[in-house]
C-alpha atoms as a PDB file:
ATOM      1  CA  MET A   1      -4.515   9.430   1.955  1.00  0.00           C
ATOM      2  CA  GLU A   2      -1.712  12.429   0.851  1.00  0.00           C
ATOM      3  CA  THR A   3       0.808  12.342   2.687  1.00  0.00           C
ATOM      4  CA  ILE A   4       3.887  14.565   3.900  1.00  0.00           C
ATOM      5  CA  LYS A   5       7.184  13.740   2.131  1.00  0.00           C
ATOM      6  CA  SER A   6       9.580  16.380   1.250  1.00  0.00           C
ATOM      7  CA  ARG A   7      11.769  17.691   3.786  1.00  0.00           C
ATOM      8  CA  ARG A   8      10.550  21.147   3.270  1.00  0.00           C
ATOM      9  CA  GLU A   9       7.393  20.179   3.989  1.00  0.00           C
ATOM     10  CA  PHE A  10       8.196  18.646   7.608  1.00  0.00           C
ATOM     11  CA  GLU A  11      10.369  21.713   8.569  1.00  0.00           C
ATOM     12  CA  GLN A  12       7.301  23.849   7.681  1.00  0.00           C
ATOM     13  CA  VAL A  13       4.735  21.958   9.959  1.00  0.00           C
ATOM     14  CA  PHE A  14       7.566  21.486  12.697  1.00  0.00           C
ATOM     15  CA  SER A  15       8.388  25.487  12.480  1.00  0.00           C
ATOM     16  CA  ALA A  16       4.869  26.678  12.534  1.00  0.00           C
ATOM     17  CA  GLY A  17       2.815  24.043  14.100  1.00  0.00           C
ATOM     18  CA  ARG A  18       2.001  23.615  17.230  1.00  0.00           C
ATOM     19  CA  ARG A  19       2.724  19.941  19.448  1.00  0.00           C
ATOM     20  CA  TYR A  20       0.624  18.122  21.472  1.00  0.00           C
ATOM     21  CA  GLY A  21       1.107  14.694  23.246  1.00  0.00           C
ATOM     22  CA  SER A  22      -0.639  11.781  24.855  1.00  0.00           C
ATOM     23  CA  PRO A  23       1.360   8.482  26.412  1.00  0.00           C
ATOM     24  CA  LEU A  24       0.104   6.479  22.907  1.00  0.00           C
ATOM     25  CA  VAL A  25       0.812   9.401  20.137  1.00  0.00           C
ATOM     26  CA  ARG A  26       2.308  13.131  19.887  1.00  0.00           C
ATOM     27  CA  LEU A  27       1.390  15.296  17.117  1.00  0.00           C
ATOM     28  CA  CYS A  28       2.515  18.416  15.714  1.00  0.00           C
ATOM     29  CA  VAL A  29      -0.168  20.038  13.936  1.00  0.00           C
ATOM     30  CA  PHE A  30      -0.057  22.679  11.279  1.00  0.00           C
ATOM     31  CA  ARG A  31      -3.407  24.669  10.790  1.00  0.00           C
ATOM     32  CA  ASP A  32      -3.506  26.584   7.589  1.00  0.00           C
ATOM     33  CA  PRO A  33      -6.951  27.408   5.500  1.00  0.00           C
ATOM     34  CA  SER A  34      -5.071  26.956   2.703  1.00  0.00           C
ATOM     35  CA  ALA A  35      -3.448  23.839   3.708  1.00  0.00           C
ATOM     36  CA  LYS A  36      -4.735  20.503   1.709  1.00  0.00           C
ATOM     37  CA  GLY A  37      -4.798  18.403   4.876  1.00  0.00           C
ATOM     38  CA  ARG A  38      -1.674  15.789   4.900  1.00  0.00           C
ATOM     39  CA  VAL A  39      -0.348  13.574   7.205  1.00  0.00           C
ATOM     40  CA  ALA A  40       3.033  11.932   8.214  1.00  0.00           C
ATOM     41  CA  PHE A  41       3.797   9.153   9.954  1.00  0.00           C
ATOM     42  CA  VAL A  42       7.041   9.339  12.235  1.00  0.00           C
ATOM     43  CA  ALA A  43       8.888   6.254  14.077  1.00  0.00           C
ATOM     44  CA  ALA A  44      12.541   7.501  15.588  1.00  0.00           C
ATOM     45  CA  LYS A  45      15.121   5.162  15.423  1.00  0.00           C
ATOM     46  CA  ARG A  46      16.047   5.028  19.331  1.00  0.00           C
ATOM     47  CA  LEU A  47      12.264   3.502  19.615  1.00  0.00           C
ATOM     48  CA  GLY A  48      13.818  -0.150  18.400  1.00  0.00           C
ATOM     49  CA  ASN A  49      14.655  -2.296  15.256  1.00  0.00           C
ATOM     50  CA  ALA A  50      12.926  -1.995  11.961  1.00  0.00           C
ATOM     51  CA  VAL A  51      10.020  -4.587  12.592  1.00  0.00           C
ATOM     52  CA  PHE A  52       9.206  -2.493  16.245  1.00  0.00           C
ATOM     53  CA  ARG A  53       9.100   1.061  14.072  1.00  0.00           C
ATOM     54  CA  ASN A  54       7.115  -0.463  11.532  1.00  0.00           C
ATOM     55  CA  ARG A  55       4.592  -1.946  13.713  1.00  0.00           C
ATOM     56  CA  CYS A  56       4.228   1.433  15.749  1.00  0.00           C
ATOM     57  CA  LYS A  57       3.636   3.244  12.160  1.00  0.00           C
ATOM     58  CA  ARG A  58       1.083   0.454  10.855  1.00  0.00           C
ATOM     59  CA  VAL A  59      -0.702   1.181  14.216  1.00  0.00           C
ATOM     60  CA  LEU A  60      -0.719   4.918  13.531  1.00  0.00           C
ATOM     61  CA  ARG A  61      -1.937   4.833  10.219  1.00  0.00           C
ATOM     62  CA  GLU A  62      -4.969   2.682  11.296  1.00  0.00           C
ATOM     63  CA  ALA A  63      -5.814   5.016  14.119  1.00  0.00           C
ATOM     64  CA  ALA A  64      -5.698   7.949  11.265  1.00  0.00           C
ATOM     65  CA  ARG A  65      -8.058   6.176   9.042  1.00  0.00           C
ATOM     66  CA  ALA A  66     -10.432   5.622  12.182  1.00  0.00           C
ATOM     67  CA  CYS A  67     -10.428   9.018  12.944  1.00  0.00           C
ATOM     68  CA  GLU A  68     -10.740  10.187   9.229  1.00  0.00           C
ATOM     69  CA  LEU A  69      -7.575  11.844   8.808  1.00  0.00           C
ATOM     70  CA  PRO A  70      -6.651  13.827   6.784  1.00  0.00           C
ATOM     71  CA  CYS A  71      -8.630  16.981   7.677  1.00  0.00           C
ATOM     72  CA  ALA A  72      -8.570  20.050   5.330  1.00  0.00           C
ATOM     73  CA  GLY A  73      -6.808  22.829   6.356  1.00  0.00           C
ATOM     74  CA  ALA A  74      -4.344  21.006   8.619  1.00  0.00           C
ATOM     75  CA  ASP A  75      -1.096  19.297   8.287  1.00  0.00           C
ATOM     76  CA  VAL A  76      -0.401  16.856  10.685  1.00  0.00           C
ATOM     77  CA  ILE A  77       2.545  14.619  12.009  1.00  0.00           C
ATOM     78  CA  MET A  78       2.057  11.951  14.076  1.00  0.00           C
ATOM     79  CA  PHE A  79       5.139  10.490  16.145  1.00  0.00           C
ATOM     80  CA  ALA A  80       5.103   7.006  17.846  1.00  0.00           C
ATOM     81  CA  THR A  81       5.950   6.533  21.713  1.00  0.00           C
ATOM     82  CA  ARG A  82       7.144   2.933  22.541  1.00  0.00           C
ATOM     83  CA  ALA A  83       3.530   2.553  23.982  1.00  0.00           C
ATOM     84  CA  THR A  84       1.910   2.842  20.663  1.00  0.00           C
ATOM     85  CA  HIS A  85       3.675  -0.700  19.874  1.00  0.00           C
ATOM     86  CA  ASP A  86       1.810  -2.684  22.647  1.00  0.00           C
ATOM     87  CA  ALA A  87      -1.483  -0.533  21.882  1.00  0.00           C
ATOM     88  CA  HIS A  88      -4.772  -1.494  20.100  1.00  0.00           C
ATOM     89  CA  PRO A  89      -5.388   1.173  17.219  1.00  0.00           C
ATOM     90  CA  ALA A  90      -8.594   1.554  18.522  1.00  0.00           C
ATOM     91  CA  SER A  91      -7.071   2.950  21.594  1.00  0.00           C
ATOM     92  CA  VAL A  92      -4.569   5.010  19.901  1.00  0.00           C
ATOM     93  CA  ALA A  93      -7.869   6.451  17.456  1.00  0.00           C
ATOM     94  CA  VAL A  94      -9.117   7.146  20.937  1.00  0.00           C
ATOM     95  CA  ASP A  95      -6.119   9.504  22.146  1.00  0.00           C
ATOM     96  CA  LEU A  96      -5.690  10.763  18.712  1.00  0.00           C
ATOM     97  CA  ASP A  97      -9.521  12.031  18.471  1.00  0.00           C
ATOM     98  CA  ARG A  98      -8.784  13.779  21.749  1.00  0.00           C
ATOM     99  CA  LEU A  99      -5.768  15.412  20.695  1.00  0.00           C
ATOM    100  CA  LEU A 100      -7.212  16.449  17.130  1.00  0.00           C
ATOM    101  CA  THR A 101     -10.253  18.405  19.277  1.00  0.00           C
ATOM    102  CA  LYS A 102      -7.780  19.645  21.169  1.00  0.00           C
ATOM    103  CA  ALA A 103      -5.784  21.243  18.361  1.00  0.00           C
ATOM    104  CA  ARG A 104      -8.939  22.216  17.268  1.00  0.00           C
ATOM    105  CA  VAL A 105      -8.667  20.490  13.820  1.00  0.00           C
ATOM    106  CA  ARG A 106     -12.190  18.607  14.207  1.00  0.00           C
END
């Protein structure tokens, strides 16, 4: 799974991308036919300590695998919410799939 790493790439997705949200996960999607299809996982410090944030990112990664991300033609940044920590990866995957369909990535 190829990830978005540099600050410039994050800023490109933030400035040109569209945002979608649900109680379990928030997305920022930049659709571009020439995009490689990369993904990033973000858990803000305000969510809690490092253990809490790492658990949230593990749940997001598992949900992304279940939804077969990354998809060619779209760069996706996934943001954890407080509810992500206690959620099962399958339920996050259902929300993620719904948001990806809404964003026309699928």
